[in-house]
């Protein structure tokens, strides 16, 4: 099982990624062991999580979310 997630960073920006374990991945990001983007901005919390059936589906959904503009991402957050 894979998950697509969105993190809110300390500067207010949003970061999208995939994982098999959301709690572990959030802890990694908070510890500075995540991607360069979150290391430099700091992670506040996970604001969105969505199950995917497999890695391929998760990667496709992640790419679709990354193509959204900020307003569309915020609307997505409100619908969950």
N, C-alpha and C. Protein backbone atom coordinates (compact mmCIF):
# COMPACT_ATOMS: atom_id res chain seq x y z
N UNK A 1 0.85 -1.18 0.00
CA UNK A 1 0.00 0.00 0.00
C UNK A 1 0.89 1.24 0.00
N UNK A 2 0.57 2.15 -0.87
CA UNK A 2 1.29 3.42 -0.95
C UNK A 2 0.35 4.56 -0.61
N UNK A 3 0.94 5.67 -0.18
CA UNK A 3 0.18 6.86 0.15
C UNK A 3 0.80 8.05 -0.56
N UNK A 4 -0.05 8.96 -1.02
CA UNK A 4 0.38 10.26 -1.51
C UNK A 4 0.10 11.23 -0.38
N UNK A 5 1.04 12.10 -0.08
CA UNK A 5 0.87 13.00 1.04
C UNK A 5 1.29 14.42 0.67
N UNK A 6 0.75 15.38 1.42
CA UNK A 6 1.15 16.78 1.29
C UNK A 6 1.55 17.27 2.67
N UNK A 7 2.73 17.89 2.74
CA UNK A 7 3.22 18.47 3.98
C UNK A 7 3.13 19.99 3.90
N UNK A 8 2.84 20.60 5.02
CA UNK A 8 2.91 22.06 5.13
C UNK A 8 4.26 22.40 5.75
N UNK A 9 5.02 23.25 5.08
CA UNK A 9 6.34 23.64 5.57
C UNK A 9 6.24 24.92 6.40
N UNK A 10 7.28 25.21 7.15
CA UNK A 10 7.26 26.36 8.06
C UNK A 10 7.12 27.69 7.33
N UNK A 11 7.49 27.74 6.05
CA UNK A 11 7.33 28.98 5.28
C UNK A 11 5.96 29.07 4.61
N UNK A 12 5.08 28.09 4.89
CA UNK A 12 3.73 28.08 4.33
C UNK A 12 3.62 27.34 3.01
N UNK A 13 4.72 26.90 2.45
CA UNK A 13 4.69 26.17 1.19
C UNK A 13 4.21 24.74 1.41
N UNK A 14 3.83 24.08 0.32
CA UNK A 14 3.33 22.71 0.37
C UNK A 14 4.28 21.79 -0.38
N UNK A 15 4.52 20.61 0.18
CA UNK A 15 5.40 19.62 -0.42
C UNK A 15 4.61 18.33 -0.62
N UNK A 16 4.69 17.75 -1.81
CA UNK A 16 3.96 16.52 -2.12
C UNK A 16 4.93 15.37 -2.33
N UNK A 17 4.59 14.20 -1.79
CA UNK A 17 5.44 13.03 -1.96
C UNK A 17 4.64 11.75 -1.82
N UNK A 18 5.34 10.59 -1.94
CA UNK A 18 4.70 9.30 -1.74
C UNK A 18 5.51 8.50 -0.71
N UNK A 19 4.84 7.55 -0.07
CA UNK A 19 5.49 6.70 0.92
C UNK A 19 4.64 5.46 1.17
N UNK A 20 5.25 4.48 1.82
CA UNK A 20 4.50 3.31 2.28
C UNK A 20 4.13 3.44 3.74
N UNK A 21 4.76 4.39 4.44
CA UNK A 21 4.53 4.58 5.87
C UNK A 21 4.51 6.08 6.20
N UNK A 22 3.32 6.69 6.21
CA UNK A 22 3.23 8.14 6.43
C UNK A 22 3.83 8.63 7.74
N UNK A 23 3.64 7.90 8.84
CA UNK A 23 4.19 8.34 10.13
C UNK A 23 5.71 8.35 10.11
N UNK A 24 6.30 7.30 9.56
CA UNK A 24 7.76 7.23 9.48
C UNK A 24 8.30 8.33 8.58
N UNK A 25 7.64 8.54 7.44
CA UNK A 25 8.12 9.55 6.49
C UNK A 25 8.03 10.95 7.08
N UNK A 26 6.95 11.25 7.80
CA UNK A 26 6.82 12.55 8.45
C UNK A 26 7.95 12.75 9.46
N UNK A 27 8.23 11.71 10.23
CA UNK A 27 9.33 11.79 11.21
C UNK A 27 10.66 12.03 10.52
N UNK A 28 10.88 11.39 9.38
CA UNK A 28 12.11 11.60 8.62
C UNK A 28 12.22 13.05 8.14
N UNK A 29 11.13 13.57 7.61
CA UNK A 29 11.13 14.96 7.15
C UNK A 29 11.42 15.91 8.31
N UNK A 30 10.77 15.68 9.44
CA UNK A 30 10.97 16.56 10.60
C UNK A 30 12.39 16.48 11.14
N UNK A 31 13.02 15.32 10.98
CA UNK A 31 14.39 15.13 11.46
C UNK A 31 15.43 15.64 10.46
N UNK A 32 14.96 16.18 9.33
CA UNK A 32 15.89 16.69 8.32
C UNK A 32 16.44 15.62 7.40
N UNK A 33 15.82 14.44 7.42
CA UNK A 33 16.28 13.33 6.60
C UNK A 33 15.43 13.14 5.34
N UNK A 34 14.51 14.06 5.10
CA UNK A 34 13.68 13.98 3.91
C UNK A 34 14.39 14.62 2.74
N UNK A 35 13.64 15.10 1.80
CA UNK A 35 14.21 15.76 0.64
C UNK A 35 14.83 17.10 0.96
N UNK A 36 15.62 17.58 0.04
CA UNK A 36 16.30 18.88 0.20
C UNK A 36 15.30 20.01 0.43
N UNK A 37 14.18 19.95 -0.27
CA UNK A 37 13.17 21.00 -0.14
C UNK A 37 12.69 21.14 1.30
N UNK A 38 12.33 20.03 1.92
CA UNK A 38 11.81 20.10 3.29
C UNK A 38 12.92 20.34 4.31
N UNK A 39 14.12 19.90 4.03
CA UNK A 39 15.25 20.17 4.94
C UNK A 39 15.48 21.67 5.06
N UNK A 40 15.38 22.37 3.94
CA UNK A 40 15.67 23.80 3.96
C UNK A 40 14.52 24.65 4.49
N UNK A 41 13.31 24.10 4.50
CA UNK A 41 12.14 24.88 4.91
C UNK A 41 11.55 24.45 6.25
N UNK A 42 11.81 23.23 6.65
CA UNK A 42 11.22 22.72 7.89
C UNK A 42 9.78 22.30 7.68
N UNK A 43 9.39 21.21 8.29
CA UNK A 43 8.04 20.67 8.13
C UNK A 43 7.22 20.96 9.38
N UNK A 44 6.02 21.45 9.18
CA UNK A 44 5.12 21.72 10.29
C UNK A 44 4.23 20.50 10.55
N UNK A 45 3.54 20.04 9.51
CA UNK A 45 2.65 18.89 9.68
C UNK A 45 2.23 18.32 8.34
N UNK A 46 1.68 17.10 8.40
CA UNK A 46 1.11 16.46 7.22
C UNK A 46 -0.35 16.93 7.15
N UNK A 47 -0.71 17.54 6.02
CA UNK A 47 -2.05 18.12 5.91
C UNK A 47 -2.96 17.32 4.98
N UNK A 48 -2.40 16.32 4.29
CA UNK A 48 -3.19 15.53 3.34
C UNK A 48 -2.56 14.17 3.18
N UNK A 49 -3.40 13.13 3.10
CA UNK A 49 -2.92 11.77 2.88
C UNK A 49 -3.99 11.03 2.11
N UNK A 50 -3.57 10.29 1.10
CA UNK A 50 -4.49 9.57 0.23
C UNK A 50 -3.90 8.20 -0.10
N UNK A 51 -4.68 7.13 0.05
CA UNK A 51 -4.21 5.78 -0.27
C UNK A 51 -4.15 5.57 -1.77
N UNK A 52 -3.16 4.80 -2.20
CA UNK A 52 -3.05 4.36 -3.59
C UNK A 52 -2.86 2.85 -3.58
N UNK A 53 -3.33 2.21 -4.62
CA UNK A 53 -3.27 0.75 -4.67
C UNK A 53 -1.87 0.21 -4.89
N UNK A 54 -1.03 0.97 -5.60
CA UNK A 54 0.33 0.52 -5.87
C UNK A 54 1.24 1.71 -6.13
N UNK A 55 2.52 1.44 -6.30
CA UNK A 55 3.51 2.51 -6.48
C UNK A 55 3.24 3.33 -7.75
N UNK A 56 2.90 2.64 -8.81
CA UNK A 56 2.63 3.32 -10.08
C UNK A 56 1.48 4.31 -9.95
N UNK A 57 0.40 3.89 -9.33
CA UNK A 57 -0.76 4.77 -9.13
C UNK A 57 -0.39 5.95 -8.24
N UNK A 58 0.41 5.69 -7.20
CA UNK A 58 0.83 6.77 -6.29
C UNK A 58 1.68 7.79 -7.02
N UNK A 59 2.61 7.32 -7.86
CA UNK A 59 3.47 8.25 -8.61
C UNK A 59 2.66 9.09 -9.59
N UNK A 60 1.67 8.48 -10.22
CA UNK A 60 0.81 9.23 -11.16
C UNK A 60 -0.02 10.28 -10.42
N UNK A 61 -0.54 9.91 -9.26
CA UNK A 61 -1.34 10.86 -8.47
C UNK A 61 -0.46 11.98 -7.94
N UNK A 62 0.75 11.64 -7.49
CA UNK A 62 1.69 12.66 -7.02
C UNK A 62 1.98 13.66 -8.13
N UNK A 63 2.23 13.17 -9.33
CA UNK A 63 2.52 14.05 -10.46
C UNK A 63 1.32 14.95 -10.77
N UNK A 64 0.11 14.39 -10.68
CA UNK A 64 -1.09 15.18 -10.93
C UNK A 64 -1.25 16.29 -9.89
N UNK A 65 -0.99 15.96 -8.64
CA UNK A 65 -1.10 16.97 -7.57
C UNK A 65 -0.03 18.05 -7.75
N UNK A 66 1.17 17.65 -8.13
CA UNK A 66 2.25 18.62 -8.32
C UNK A 66 1.96 19.59 -9.46
N UNK A 67 1.14 19.17 -10.41
CA UNK A 67 0.76 20.05 -11.52
C UNK A 67 -0.28 21.10 -11.12
N UNK A 68 -0.96 20.89 -9.98
CA UNK A 68 -1.96 21.85 -9.52
C UNK A 68 -1.29 23.12 -9.03
N UNK A 69 -1.99 24.24 -9.19
CA UNK A 69 -1.45 25.47 -8.61
C UNK A 69 -1.81 25.50 -7.12
N UNK A 70 -1.28 26.46 -6.41
CA UNK A 70 -1.48 26.52 -4.95
C UNK A 70 -2.96 26.58 -4.56
N UNK A 71 -3.73 27.39 -5.28
CA UNK A 71 -5.15 27.53 -4.98
C UNK A 71 -5.87 26.18 -5.14
N UNK A 72 -5.54 25.45 -6.18
CA UNK A 72 -6.16 24.15 -6.41
C UNK A 72 -5.75 23.14 -5.33
N UNK A 73 -4.49 23.21 -4.89
CA UNK A 73 -4.03 22.32 -3.82
C UNK A 73 -4.77 22.62 -2.51
N UNK A 74 -4.95 23.88 -2.21
CA UNK A 74 -5.67 24.26 -0.98
C UNK A 74 -7.13 23.80 -1.05
N UNK A 75 -7.73 23.85 -2.23
CA UNK A 75 -9.09 23.34 -2.41
C UNK A 75 -9.12 21.83 -2.18
N UNK A 76 -8.11 21.13 -2.68
CA UNK A 76 -8.01 19.69 -2.46
C UNK A 76 -7.92 19.39 -0.96
N UNK A 77 -7.17 20.17 -0.23
CA UNK A 77 -7.02 19.95 1.21
C UNK A 77 -8.37 20.11 1.94
N UNK A 78 -9.17 21.04 1.47
CA UNK A 78 -10.46 21.30 2.11
C UNK A 78 -11.48 20.21 1.83
N UNK A 79 -11.32 19.48 0.72
CA UNK A 79 -12.28 18.45 0.36
C UNK A 79 -12.07 17.16 1.11
N UNK A 80 -10.95 17.04 1.78
CA UNK A 80 -10.62 15.81 2.54
C UNK A 80 -10.88 15.98 3.99
